[in-house]
Structure formats: structure tokens, C-alpha cells
Amino acid sequence: AYGTQKSLRMVMATNGTLVDEAKVRKMIDSGIQRVSISID
């Protein structure tokens, strides 16, 4: 959120296993614009 406030484009790289509805809502609220998920 602080990075977004400073006009930075914030994205996240995660393995996806801890992502749920509540965390997605926090991602959106904090201004995260894209998330990468590792699939091998």
C-alpha cells in the first residue's frame, strides 16, 4: 500500500498456496496490480 501511495507499480510473486479470498482482497486494496504464480 505504501508503494502504491508513492505511485510505484506493485506486483507480487508467490507460490500461490497461501492465497485465499481474504488475501486477494488485501492484494486489491493495497494496489497490487498483478500476481505471478509458479507452475512447474
Full PDB file with SEQRES, HELIX, SHEET, SSBOND, CRYST1, ORIGX, SCALE, CONECT and MASTER records, all heavy atoms in Angstrom:
SEQRES   1 A   40  ALA TYR GLY THR GLN LYS SER LEU ARG MET VAL MET ALA          
SEQRES   2 A   40  THR ASN GLY THR LEU VAL ASP GLU ALA LYS VAL ARG LYS          
SEQRES   3 A   40  MET ILE ASP SER GLY ILE GLN ARG VAL SER ILE SER ILE          
SEQRES   4 A   40  ASP                                                          
HELIX    1 AA1 TYR A    2  GLN A    5  1                                   4    
HELIX    2 AA2 GLU A   21  SER A   30  1                                  10    
SHEET    1 AA1 2 VAL A  11  THR A  14  0                                        
SHEET    2 AA1 2 ARG A  34  ILE A  37  1                                        
CRYST1    1.000    1.000    1.000  90.00  90.00  90.00 P 1           1          
ORIGX1      1.000000  0.000000  0.000000        0.00000                         
ORIGX2      0.000000  1.000000  0.000000        0.00000                         
ORIGX3      0.000000  0.000000  1.000000        0.00000                         
SCALE1      1.000000  0.000000  0.000000        0.00000                         
SCALE2      0.000000  1.000000  0.000000        0.00000                         
SCALE3      0.000000  0.000000  1.000000        0.00000                         
ATOM      1  N   ALA A   1       0.826  -1.206   0.000  1.00  0.00           N  
ATOM      2  CA  ALA A   1       0.000   0.000   0.000  1.00  0.00           C  
ATOM      3  C   ALA A   1       0.863   1.259   0.000  1.00  0.00           C  
ATOM      4  O   ALA A   1       0.534   2.252  -0.670  1.00  0.00           O  
ATOM      5  CB  ALA A   1      -0.929  -0.010   1.212  1.00  0.00           C  
ATOM      6  N   TYR A   2       1.979   1.227   0.741  1.00  0.00           N  
ATOM      7  CA  TYR A   2       2.855   2.397   0.801  1.00  0.00           C  
ATOM      8  C   TYR A   2       3.510   2.631  -0.558  1.00  0.00           C  
ATOM      9  O   TYR A   2       3.622   3.776  -1.017  1.00  0.00           O  
ATOM     10  CB  TYR A   2       3.917   2.203   1.873  1.00  0.00           C  
ATOM     11  CG  TYR A   2       4.686   3.468   2.196  1.00  0.00           C  
ATOM     12  CD1 TYR A   2       4.079   4.516   2.882  1.00  0.00           C  
ATOM     13  CD2 TYR A   2       6.013   3.616   1.810  1.00  0.00           C  
ATOM     14  CE1 TYR A   2       4.777   5.679   3.172  1.00  0.00           C  
ATOM     15  CE2 TYR A   2       6.724   4.772   2.100  1.00  0.00           C  
ATOM     16  CZ  TYR A   2       6.099   5.798   2.777  1.00  0.00           C  
ATOM     17  OH  TYR A   2       6.793   6.947   3.065  1.00  0.00           O  
ATOM     18  N   GLY A   3       3.932   1.556  -1.220  1.00  0.00           N  
ATOM     19  CA  GLY A   3       4.493   1.691  -2.556  1.00  0.00           C  
ATOM     20  C   GLY A   3       3.478   2.246  -3.536  1.00  0.00           C  
ATOM     21  O   GLY A   3       3.797   3.097  -4.372  1.00  0.00           O  
ATOM     22  N   THR A   4       2.248   1.772  -3.451  1.00  0.00           N  
ATOM     23  CA  THR A   4       1.177   2.280  -4.307  1.00  0.00           C  
ATOM     24  C   THR A   4       0.952   3.768  -4.055  1.00  0.00           C  
ATOM     25  O   THR A   4       0.783   4.560  -4.994  1.00  0.00           O  
ATOM     26  CB  THR A   4      -0.122   1.495  -4.057  1.00  0.00           C  
ATOM     27  OG1 THR A   4       0.089   0.111  -4.379  1.00  0.00           O  
ATOM     28  CG2 THR A   4      -1.256   2.040  -4.904  1.00  0.00           C  
ATOM     29  N   GLN A   5       0.966   4.150  -2.782  1.00  0.00           N  
ATOM     30  CA  GLN A   5       0.804   5.560  -2.404  1.00  0.00           C  
ATOM     31  C   GLN A   5       1.902   6.428  -3.025  1.00  0.00           C  
ATOM     32  O   GLN A   5       1.669   7.588  -3.367  1.00  0.00           O  
ATOM     33  CB  GLN A   5       0.836   5.687  -0.881  1.00  0.00           C  
ATOM     34  CG  GLN A   5       0.686   7.097  -0.343  1.00  0.00           C  
ATOM     35  CD  GLN A   5       0.865   7.135   1.167  1.00  0.00           C  
ATOM     36  OE1 GLN A   5       0.553   6.187   1.873  1.00  0.00           O  
ATOM     37  NE2 GLN A   5       1.385   8.245   1.668  1.00  0.00           N  
ATOM     38  N   LYS A   6       3.093   5.844  -3.198  1.00  0.00           N  
ATOM     39  CA  LYS A   6       4.219   6.564  -3.787  1.00  0.00           C  
ATOM     40  C   LYS A   6       4.244   6.446  -5.321  1.00  0.00           C  
ATOM     41  O   LYS A   6       5.244   6.768  -5.957  1.00  0.00           O  
ATOM     42  CB  LYS A   6       5.536   6.019  -3.227  1.00  0.00           C  
ATOM     43  CG  LYS A   6       5.720   6.280  -1.730  1.00  0.00           C  
ATOM     44  CD  LYS A   6       5.867   7.755  -1.441  1.00  0.00           C  
ATOM     45  CE  LYS A   6       6.071   8.026   0.039  1.00  0.00           C  
ATOM     46  NZ  LYS A   6       6.280   9.466   0.312  1.00  0.00           N  
ATOM     47  N   SER A   7       3.148   5.976  -5.888  1.00  0.00           N  
ATOM     48  CA  SER A   7       2.984   5.873  -7.344  1.00  0.00           C  
ATOM     49  C   SER A   7       3.880   4.824  -7.982  1.00  0.00           C  
ATOM     50  O   SER A   7       4.216   4.920  -9.172  1.00  0.00           O  
ATOM     51  CB  SER A   7       3.213   7.238  -8.016  1.00  0.00           C  
ATOM     52  OG  SER A   7       2.278   8.179  -7.555  1.00  0.00           O  
ATOM     53  N   LEU A   8       4.280   3.808  -7.218  1.00  0.00           N  
ATOM     54  CA  LEU A   8       5.032   2.690  -7.766  1.00  0.00           C  
ATOM     55  C   LEU A   8       4.052   1.600  -8.201  1.00  0.00           C  
ATOM     56  O   LEU A   8       3.012   1.411  -7.580  1.00  0.00           O  
ATOM     57  CB  LEU A   8       6.003   2.136  -6.730  1.00  0.00           C  
ATOM     58  CG  LEU A   8       7.037   3.122  -6.187  1.00  0.00           C  
ATOM     59  CD1 LEU A   8       7.865   2.466  -5.095  1.00  0.00           C  
ATOM     60  CD2 LEU A   8       7.940   3.635  -7.296  1.00  0.00           C  
ATOM     61  N   ARG A   9       4.402   0.892  -9.260  1.00  0.00           N  
ATOM     62  CA  ARG A   9       3.584  -0.240  -9.699  1.00  0.00           C  
ATOM     63  C   ARG A   9       4.005  -1.460  -8.895  1.00  0.00           C  
ATOM     64  O   ARG A   9       5.109  -1.982  -9.058  1.00  0.00           O  
ATOM     65  CB  ARG A   9       3.762  -0.496 -11.196  1.00  0.00           C  
ATOM     66  CG  ARG A   9       2.971  -1.709 -11.711  1.00  0.00           C  
ATOM     67  CD  ARG A   9       3.176  -1.886 -13.207  1.00  0.00           C  
ATOM     68  NE  ARG A   9       2.687  -3.177 -13.674  1.00  0.00           N  
ATOM     69  CZ  ARG A   9       1.459  -3.423 -14.126  1.00  0.00           C  
ATOM     70  NH1 ARG A   9       0.588  -2.443 -14.188  1.00  0.00           N  
ATOM     71  NH2 ARG A   9       1.112  -4.638 -14.531  1.00  0.00           N  
ATOM     72  N   MET A  10       3.141  -1.928  -8.023  1.00  0.00           N  
ATOM     73  CA  MET A  10       3.450  -3.026  -7.121  1.00  0.00           C  
ATOM     74  C   MET A  10       2.856  -4.329  -7.659  1.00  0.00           C  
ATOM     75  O   MET A  10       1.654  -4.410  -7.957  1.00  0.00           O  
ATOM     76  CB  MET A  10       2.901  -2.745  -5.720  1.00  0.00           C  
ATOM     77  CG  MET A  10       3.313  -1.396  -5.134  1.00  0.00           C  
ATOM     78  SD  MET A  10       5.106  -1.183  -4.950  1.00  0.00           S  
ATOM     79  CE  MET A  10       5.446  -2.303  -3.581  1.00  0.00           C  
ATOM     80  N   VAL A  11       3.699  -5.355  -7.777  1.00  0.00           N  
ATOM     81  CA  VAL A  11       3.261  -6.678  -8.196  1.00  0.00           C  
ATOM     82  C   VAL A  11       3.829  -7.696  -7.212  1.00  0.00           C  
ATOM     83  O   VAL A  11       4.680  -7.370  -6.383  1.00  0.00           O  
ATOM     84  CB  VAL A  11       3.693  -6.994  -9.645  1.00  0.00           C  
ATOM     85  CG1 VAL A  11       3.099  -5.992 -10.616  1.00  0.00           C  
ATOM     86  CG2 VAL A  11       5.213  -6.996  -9.773  1.00  0.00           C  
ATOM     87  N   MET A  12       3.373  -8.923  -7.281  1.00  0.00           N  
ATOM     88  CA  MET A  12       3.812  -9.929  -6.311  1.00  0.00           C  
ATOM     89  C   MET A  12       4.106 -11.252  -6.998  1.00  0.00           C  
ATOM     90  O   MET A  12       3.399 -11.656  -7.934  1.00  0.00           O  
ATOM     91  CB  MET A  12       2.727 -10.133  -5.241  1.00  0.00           C  
ATOM     92  CG  MET A  12       3.093 -11.175  -4.185  1.00  0.00           C  
ATOM     93  SD  MET A  12       1.815 -11.380  -2.895  1.00  0.00           S  
ATOM     94  CE  MET A  12       2.031  -9.860  -1.971  1.00  0.00           C  
ATOM     95  N   ALA A  13       5.151 -11.948  -6.530  1.00  0.00           N  
ATOM     96  CA  ALA A  13       5.496 -13.292  -6.993  1.00  0.00           C  
ATOM     97  C   ALA A  13       5.313 -14.253  -5.829  1.00  0.00           C  
ATOM     98  O   ALA A  13       5.971 -14.109  -4.790  1.00  0.00           O  
ATOM     99  CB  ALA A  13       6.931 -13.331  -7.505  1.00  0.00           C  
ATOM    100  N   THR A  14       4.431 -15.222  -5.971  1.00  0.00           N  
ATOM    101  CA  THR A  14       4.091 -16.139  -4.888  1.00  0.00           C  
ATOM    102  C   THR A  14       3.956 -17.555  -5.426  1.00  0.00           C  
ATOM    103  O   THR A  14       3.756 -17.753  -6.629  1.00  0.00           O  
ATOM    104  CB  THR A  14       2.767 -15.708  -4.207  1.00  0.00           C  
ATOM    105  OG1 THR A  14       2.333 -16.714  -3.289  1.00  0.00           O  
ATOM    106  CG2 THR A  14       1.663 -15.494  -5.224  1.00  0.00           C  
ATOM    107  N   ASN A  15       4.062 -18.544  -4.535  1.00  0.00           N  
ATOM    108  CA  ASN A  15       3.826 -19.927  -4.974  1.00  0.00           C  
ATOM    109  C   ASN A  15       2.334 -20.251  -5.018  1.00  0.00           C  
ATOM    110  O   ASN A  15       1.946 -21.314  -5.496  1.00  0.00           O  
ATOM    111  CB  ASN A  15       4.588 -20.930  -4.100  1.00  0.00           C  
ATOM    112  CG  ASN A  15       4.186 -20.878  -2.630  1.00  0.00           C  
ATOM    113  OD1 ASN A  15       3.005 -20.848  -2.279  1.00  0.00           O  
ATOM    114  ND2 ASN A  15       5.182 -20.887  -1.740  1.00  0.00           N  
ATOM    115  N   GLY A  16       1.507 -19.353  -4.509  1.00  0.00           N  
ATOM    116  CA  GLY A  16       0.063 -19.489  -4.640  1.00  0.00           C  
ATOM    117  C   GLY A  16      -0.631 -20.288  -3.566  1.00  0.00           C  
ATOM    118  O   GLY A  16      -1.854 -20.212  -3.413  1.00  0.00           O  
ATOM    119  N   THR A  17       0.115 -21.059  -2.783  1.00  0.00           N  
ATOM    120  CA  THR A  17      -0.524 -21.970  -1.837  1.00  0.00           C  
ATOM    121  C   THR A  17      -1.155 -21.260  -0.642  1.00  0.00           C  
ATOM    122  O   THR A  17      -2.011 -21.839   0.039  1.00  0.00           O  
ATOM    123  CB  THR A  17       0.485 -23.008  -1.318  1.00  0.00           C  
ATOM    124  OG1 THR A  17       1.550 -22.335  -0.620  1.00  0.00           O  
ATOM    125  CG2 THR A  17       1.067 -23.825  -2.463  1.00  0.00           C  
ATOM    126  N   LEU A  18      -0.744 -20.028  -0.374  1.00  0.00           N  
ATOM    127  CA  LEU A  18      -1.298 -19.279   0.757  1.00  0.00           C  
ATOM    128  C   LEU A  18      -2.338 -18.253   0.323  1.00  0.00           C  
ATOM    129  O   LEU A  18      -2.861 -17.507   1.152  1.00  0.00           O  
ATOM    130  CB  LEU A  18      -0.167 -18.565   1.518  1.00  0.00           C  
ATOM    131  CG  LEU A  18       0.939 -19.463   2.079  1.00  0.00           C  
ATOM    132  CD1 LEU A  18       1.986 -18.627   2.811  1.00  0.00           C  
ATOM    133  CD2 LEU A  18       0.356 -20.522   3.020  1.00  0.00           C  
ATOM    134  N   VAL A  19      -2.643 -18.241  -0.969  1.00  0.00           N  
ATOM    135  CA  VAL A  19      -3.608 -17.272  -1.487  1.00  0.00           C  
ATOM    136  C   VAL A  19      -5.025 -17.771  -1.257  1.00  0.00           C  
ATOM    137  O   VAL A  19      -5.363 -18.897  -1.611  1.00  0.00           O  
ATOM    138  CB  VAL A  19      -3.368 -17.027  -2.991  1.00  0.00           C  
ATOM    139  CG1 VAL A  19      -4.438 -16.097  -3.556  1.00  0.00           C  
ATOM    140  CG2 VAL A  19      -1.977 -16.456  -3.231  1.00  0.00           C  
ATOM    141  N   ASP A  20      -5.849 -16.929  -0.646  1.00  0.00           N  
ATOM    142  CA  ASP A  20      -7.261 -17.240  -0.482  1.00  0.00           C  
ATOM    143  C   ASP A  20      -8.067 -15.963  -0.735  1.00  0.00           C  
ATOM    144  O   ASP A  20      -7.510 -14.909  -1.083  1.00  0.00           O  
ATOM    145  CB  ASP A  20      -7.555 -17.814   0.912  1.00  0.00           C  
ATOM    146  CG  ASP A  20      -7.087 -16.907   2.050  1.00  0.00           C  
ATOM    147  OD1 ASP A  20      -6.927 -15.682   1.816  1.00  0.00           O  
ATOM    148  OD2 ASP A  20      -6.873 -17.410   3.164  1.00  0.00           O  
ATOM    149  N   GLU A  21      -9.363 -16.042  -0.571  1.00  0.00           N  
ATOM    150  CA  GLU A  21     -10.229 -14.900  -0.873  1.00  0.00           C  
ATOM    151  C   GLU A  21      -9.850 -13.662  -0.062  1.00  0.00           C  
ATOM    152  O   GLU A  21      -9.812 -12.542  -0.591  1.00  0.00           O  
ATOM    153  CB  GLU A  21     -11.682 -15.284  -0.603  1.00  0.00           C  
ATOM    154  CG  GLU A  21     -12.682 -14.192  -0.942  1.00  0.00           C  
ATOM    155  CD  GLU A  21     -14.117 -14.629  -0.671  1.00  0.00           C  
ATOM    156  OE1 GLU A  21     -14.356 -15.827  -0.467  1.00  0.00           O  
ATOM    157  OE2 GLU A  21     -15.012 -13.743  -0.676  1.00  0.00           O  
ATOM    158  N   ALA A  22      -9.559 -13.858   1.223  1.00  0.00           N  
ATOM    159  CA  ALA A  22      -9.222 -12.720   2.088  1.00  0.00           C  
ATOM    160  C   ALA A  22      -7.921 -12.053   1.640  1.00  0.00           C  
ATOM    161  O   ALA A  22      -7.814 -10.821   1.615  1.00  0.00           O  
ATOM    162  CB  ALA A  22      -9.114 -13.178   3.537  1.00  0.00           C  
ATOM    163  N   LYS A  23      -6.926 -12.862   1.290  1.00  0.00           N  
ATOM    164  CA  LYS A  23      -5.649 -12.285   0.858  1.00  0.00           C  
ATOM    165  C   LYS A  23      -5.779 -11.594  -0.489  1.00  0.00           C  
ATOM    166  O   LYS A  23      -5.136 -10.567  -0.736  1.00  0.00           O  
ATOM    167  CB  LYS A  23      -4.563 -13.361   0.828  1.00  0.00           C  
ATOM    168  CG  LYS A  23      -4.085 -13.782   2.219  1.00  0.00           C  
ATOM    169  CD  LYS A  23      -2.869 -14.658   2.126  1.00  0.00           C  
ATOM    170  CE  LYS A  23      -2.314 -14.971   3.529  1.00  0.00           C  
ATOM    171  NZ  LYS A  23      -3.257 -15.786   4.317  1.00  0.00           N  
ATOM    172  N   VAL A  24      -6.590 -12.135  -1.374  1.00  0.00           N  
ATOM    173  CA  VAL A  24      -6.806 -11.477  -2.661  1.00  0.00           C  
ATOM    174  C   VAL A  24      -7.434 -10.104  -2.445  1.00  0.00           C  
ATOM    175  O   VAL A  24      -7.061  -9.122  -3.093  1.00  0.00           O  
ATOM    176  CB  VAL A  24      -7.680 -12.345  -3.581  1.00  0.00           C  
ATOM    177  CG1 VAL A  24      -8.042 -11.571  -4.853  1.00  0.00           C  
ATOM    178  CG2 VAL A  24      -6.961 -13.635  -3.953  1.00  0.00           C  
ATOM    179  N   ARG A  25      -8.370 -10.014  -1.512  1.00  0.00           N  
ATOM    180  CA  ARG A  25      -8.992  -8.720  -1.218  1.00  0.00           C  
ATOM    181  C   ARG A  25      -7.939  -7.740  -0.704  1.00  0.00           C  
ATOM    182  O   ARG A  25      -7.941  -6.554  -1.088  1.00  0.00           O  
ATOM    183  CB  ARG A  25     -10.116  -8.919  -0.177  1.00  0.00           C  
ATOM    184  CG  ARG A  25     -10.771  -7.633   0.326  1.00  0.00           C  
ATOM    185  CD  ARG A  25     -11.152  -6.675  -0.766  1.00  0.00           C  
ATOM    186  NE  ARG A  25     -11.939  -7.295  -1.824  1.00  0.00           N  
ATOM    187  CZ  ARG A  25     -12.189  -6.724  -2.993  1.00  0.00           C  
ATOM    188  NH1 ARG A  25     -11.664  -5.538  -3.273  1.00  0.00           N  
ATOM    189  NH2 ARG A  25     -12.912  -7.339  -3.904  1.00  0.00           N  
ATOM    190  N   LYS A  26      -7.023  -8.202   0.124  1.00  0.00           N  
ATOM    191  CA  LYS A  26      -5.955  -7.328   0.625  1.00  0.00           C  
ATOM    192  C   LYS A  26      -5.004  -6.932  -0.498  1.00  0.00           C  
ATOM    193  O   LYS A  26      -4.496  -5.804  -0.518  1.00  0.00           O  
ATOM    194  CB  LYS A  26      -5.198  -8.030   1.749  1.00  0.00           C  
ATOM    195  CG  LYS A  26      -6.008  -8.175   3.041  1.00  0.00           C  
ATOM    196  CD  LYS A  26      -5.192  -8.862   4.129  1.00  0.00           C  
ATOM    197  CE  LYS A  26      -5.992  -8.971   5.413  1.00  0.00           C  
ATOM    198  NZ  LYS A  26      -5.231  -9.650   6.498  1.00  0.00           N  
ATOM    199  N   MET A  27      -4.743  -7.847  -1.426  1.00  0.00           N  
ATOM    200  CA  MET A  27      -3.917  -7.510  -2.592  1.00  0.00           C  
ATOM    201  C   MET A  27      -4.541  -6.357  -3.360  1.00  0.00           C  
ATOM    202  O   MET A  27      -3.870  -5.369  -3.709  1.00  0.00           O  
ATOM    203  CB  MET A  27      -3.771  -8.731  -3.512  1.00  0.00           C  
ATOM    204  CG  MET A  27      -2.929  -9.862  -2.970  1.00  0.00           C  
ATOM    205  SD  MET A  27      -2.967 -11.276  -4.111  1.00  0.00           S  
ATOM    206  CE  MET A  27      -1.955 -12.456  -3.233  1.00  0.00           C  
ATOM    207  N   ILE A  28      -5.816  -6.483  -3.631  1.00  0.00           N  
ATOM    208  CA  ILE A  28      -6.510  -5.453  -4.399  1.00  0.00           C  
ATOM    209  C   ILE A  28      -6.535  -4.134  -3.635  1.00  0.00           C  
ATOM    210  O   ILE A  28      -6.242  -3.068  -4.188  1.00  0.00           O  
ATOM    211  CB  ILE A  28      -7.944  -5.926  -4.735  1.00  0.00           C  
ATOM    212  CG1 ILE A  28      -7.880  -7.136  -5.684  1.00  0.00           C  
ATOM    213  CG2 ILE A  28      -8.755  -4.791  -5.352  1.00  0.00           C  
ATOM    214  CD1 ILE A  28      -9.213  -7.807  -5.921  1.00  0.00           C  
ATOM    215  N   ASP A  29      -6.862  -4.193  -2.358  1.00  0.00           N  
ATOM    216  CA  ASP A  29      -6.955  -2.976  -1.543  1.00  0.00           C  
ATOM    217  C   ASP A  29      -5.609  -2.263  -1.414  1.00  0.00           C  
ATOM    218  O   ASP A  29      -5.562  -1.033  -1.286  1.00  0.00           O  
ATOM    219  CB  ASP A  29      -7.503  -3.303  -0.155  1.00  0.00           C  
ATOM    220  CG  ASP A  29      -8.971  -3.707  -0.181  1.00  0.00           C  
ATOM    221  OD1 ASP A  29      -9.632  -3.459  -1.211  1.00  0.00           O  
ATOM    222  OD2 ASP A  29      -9.443  -4.285   0.818  1.00  0.00           O  
ATOM    223  N   SER A  30      -4.514  -3.028  -1.421  1.00  0.00           N  
ATOM    224  CA  SER A  30      -3.182  -2.425  -1.270  1.00  0.00           C  
ATOM    225  C   SER A  30      -2.589  -1.967  -2.599  1.00  0.00           C  
ATOM    226  O   SER A  30      -1.496  -1.418  -2.631  1.00  0.00           O  
ATOM    227  CB  SER A  30      -2.230  -3.414  -0.591  1.00  0.00           C  
ATOM    228  OG  SER A  30      -2.019  -4.558  -1.399  1.00  0.00           O  
ATOM    229  N   GLY A  31      -3.305  -2.223  -3.700  1.00  0.00           N  
ATOM    230  CA  GLY A  31      -2.864  -1.725  -5.003  1.00  0.00           C  
ATOM    231  C   GLY A  31      -1.981  -2.664  -5.794  1.00  0.00           C  
ATOM    232  O   GLY A  31      -1.389  -2.252  -6.805  1.00  0.00           O  
ATOM    233  N   ILE A  32      -1.854  -3.918  -5.380  1.00  0.00           N  
ATOM    234  CA  ILE A  32      -1.080  -4.891  -6.167  1.00  0.00           C  
ATOM    235  C   ILE A  32      -1.788  -5.114  -7.493  1.00  0.00           C  
ATOM    236  O   ILE A  32      -2.979  -5.412  -7.530  1.00  0.00           O  
ATOM    237  CB  ILE A  32      -0.909  -6.208  -5.391  1.00  0.00           C  
ATOM    238  CG1 ILE A  32       0.002  -5.980  -4.178  1.00  0.00           C  
ATOM    239  CG2 ILE A  32      -0.346  -7.304  -6.286  1.00  0.00           C  
ATOM    240  CD1 ILE A  32       0.123  -7.160  -3.253  1.00  0.00           C  
ATOM    241  N   GLN A  33      -1.042  -4.967  -8.592  1.00  0.00           N  
ATOM    242  CA  GLN A  33      -1.671  -4.950  -9.906  1.00  0.00           C  
ATOM    243  C   GLN A  33      -1.571  -6.255 -10.677  1.00  0.00           C  
ATOM    244  O   GLN A  33      -2.352  -6.494 -11.601  1.00  0.00           O  
ATOM    245  CB  GLN A  33      -1.075  -3.805 -10.740  1.00  0.00           C  
ATOM    246  CG  GLN A  33      -1.344  -2.445 -10.109  1.00  0.00           C  
ATOM    247  CD  GLN A  33      -0.876  -1.309 -10.982  1.00  0.00           C  
ATOM    248  OE1 GLN A  33      -1.015  -1.342 -12.206  1.00  0.00           O  
ATOM    249  NE2 GLN A  33      -0.312  -0.284 -10.380  1.00  0.00           N  
ATOM    250  N   ARG A  34      -0.601  -7.082 -10.334  1.00  0.00           N  
ATOM    251  CA  ARG A  34      -0.510  -8.399 -10.973  1.00  0.00           C  
ATOM    252  C   ARG A  34       0.200  -9.334 -10.022  1.00  0.00           C  
ATOM    253  O   ARG A  34       1.066  -8.925  -9.259  1.00  0.00           O  
ATOM    254  CB  ARG A  34       0.231  -8.346 -12.312  1.00  0.00           C  
ATOM    255  CG  ARG A  34       0.318  -9.721 -12.999  1.00  0.00           C  
ATOM    256  CD  ARG A  34       1.165  -9.723 -14.260  1.00  0.00           C  
ATOM    257  NE  ARG A  34       0.446  -9.210 -15.415  1.00  0.00           N  
ATOM    258  CZ  ARG A  34       0.891  -9.325 -16.673  1.00  0.00           C  
ATOM    259  NH1 ARG A  34       2.050  -9.924 -16.931  1.00  0.00           N  
ATOM    260  NH2 ARG A  34       0.188  -8.840 -17.672  1.00  0.00           N  
ATOM    261  N   VAL A  35      -0.155 -10.619 -10.088  1.00  0.00           N  
ATOM    262  CA  VAL A  35       0.471 -11.647  -9.260  1.00  0.00           C  
ATOM    263  C   VAL A  35       0.982 -12.751 -10.174  1.00  0.00           C  
ATOM    264  O   VAL A  35       0.288 -13.177 -11.101  1.00  0.00           O  
ATOM    265  CB  VAL A  35      -0.531 -12.234  -8.243  1.00  0.00           C  
ATOM    266  CG1 VAL A  35       0.117 -13.360  -7.438  1.00  0.00           C  
ATOM    267  CG2 VAL A  35      -1.060 -11.142  -7.314  1.00  0.00           C  
ATOM    268  N   SER A  36       2.209 -13.196  -9.939  1.00  0.00           N  
ATOM    269  CA  SER A  36       2.727 -14.348 -10.672  1.00  0.00           C  
ATOM    270  C   SER A  36       2.664 -15.573  -9.768  1.00  0.00           C  
ATOM    271  O   SER A  36       2.957 -15.502  -8.581  1.00  0.00           O  
ATOM    272  CB  SER A  36       4.166 -14.109 -11.140  1.00  0.00           C  
ATOM    273  OG  SER A  36       5.055 -14.025 -10.047  1.00  0.00           O  
ATOM    274  N   ILE A  37       2.254 -16.684 -10.360  1.00  0.00           N  
ATOM    275  CA  ILE A  37       2.180 -17.971  -9.668  1.00  0.00           C  
ATOM    276  C   ILE A  37       3.128 -18.935 -10.367  1.00  0.00           C  
ATOM    277  O   ILE A  37       3.121 -19.047 -11.596  1.00  0.00           O  
ATOM    278  CB  ILE A  37       0.752 -18.553  -9.712  1.00  0.00           C  
ATOM    279  CG1 ILE A  37      -0.259 -17.587  -9.099  1.00  0.00           C  
ATOM    280  CG2 ILE A  37       0.710 -19.908  -9.006  1.00  0.00           C  
ATOM    281  CD1 ILE A  37      -0.188 -17.456  -7.614  1.00  0.00           C  
ATOM    282  N   SER A  38       3.939 -19.629  -9.609  1.00  0.00           N  
ATOM    283  CA  SER A  38       4.891 -20.574 -10.183  1.00  0.00           C  
ATOM    284  C   SER A  38       4.225 -21.925 -10.413  1.00  0.00           C  
ATOM    285  O   SER A  38       3.720 -22.545  -9.484  1.00  0.00           O  
ATOM    286  CB  SER A  38       6.094 -20.749  -9.251  1.00  0.00           C  
ATOM    287  OG  SER A  38       6.780 -19.526  -9.095  1.00  0.00           O  
ATOM    288  N   ILE A  39       4.228 -22.368 -11.669  1.00  0.00           N  
ATOM    289  CA  ILE A  39       3.713 -23.692 -12.045  1.00  0.00           C  
ATOM    290  C   ILE A  39       4.804 -24.380 -12.861  1.00  0.00           C  
ATOM    291  O   ILE A  39       5.159 -23.928 -13.956  1.00  0.00           O  
ATOM    292  CB  ILE A  39       2.412 -23.601 -12.873  1.00  0.00           C  
ATOM    293  CG1 ILE A  39       1.290 -22.934 -12.065  1.00  0.00           C  
ATOM    294  CG2 ILE A  39       1.994 -24.982 -13.354  1.00  0.00           C  
ATOM    295  CD1 ILE A  39       0.757 -23.768 -10.925  1.00  0.00           C  
ATOM    296  N   ASP A  40       5.335 -25.492 -12.344  1.00  0.00           N  
ATOM    297  CA  ASP A  40       6.458 -26.169 -12.992  1.00  0.00           C  
ATOM    298  C   ASP A  40       6.098 -27.554 -13.528  1.00  0.00           C  
ATOM    299  O   ASP A  40       6.984 -28.315 -13.930  1.00  0.00           O  
ATOM    300  CB  ASP A  40       7.633 -26.280 -12.016  1.00  0.00           C  
ATOM    301  CG  ASP A  40       8.169 -24.910 -11.633  1.00  0.00           C  
ATOM    302  OD1 ASP A  40       8.256 -24.039 -12.516  1.00  0.00           O  
ATOM    303  OD2 ASP A  40       8.483 -24.700 -10.447  1.00  0.00           O  
TER     304      ASP A  40                                                      
MASTER        0    0    0    2    2    0    0    6  303    1    0    4          
END                                                                             
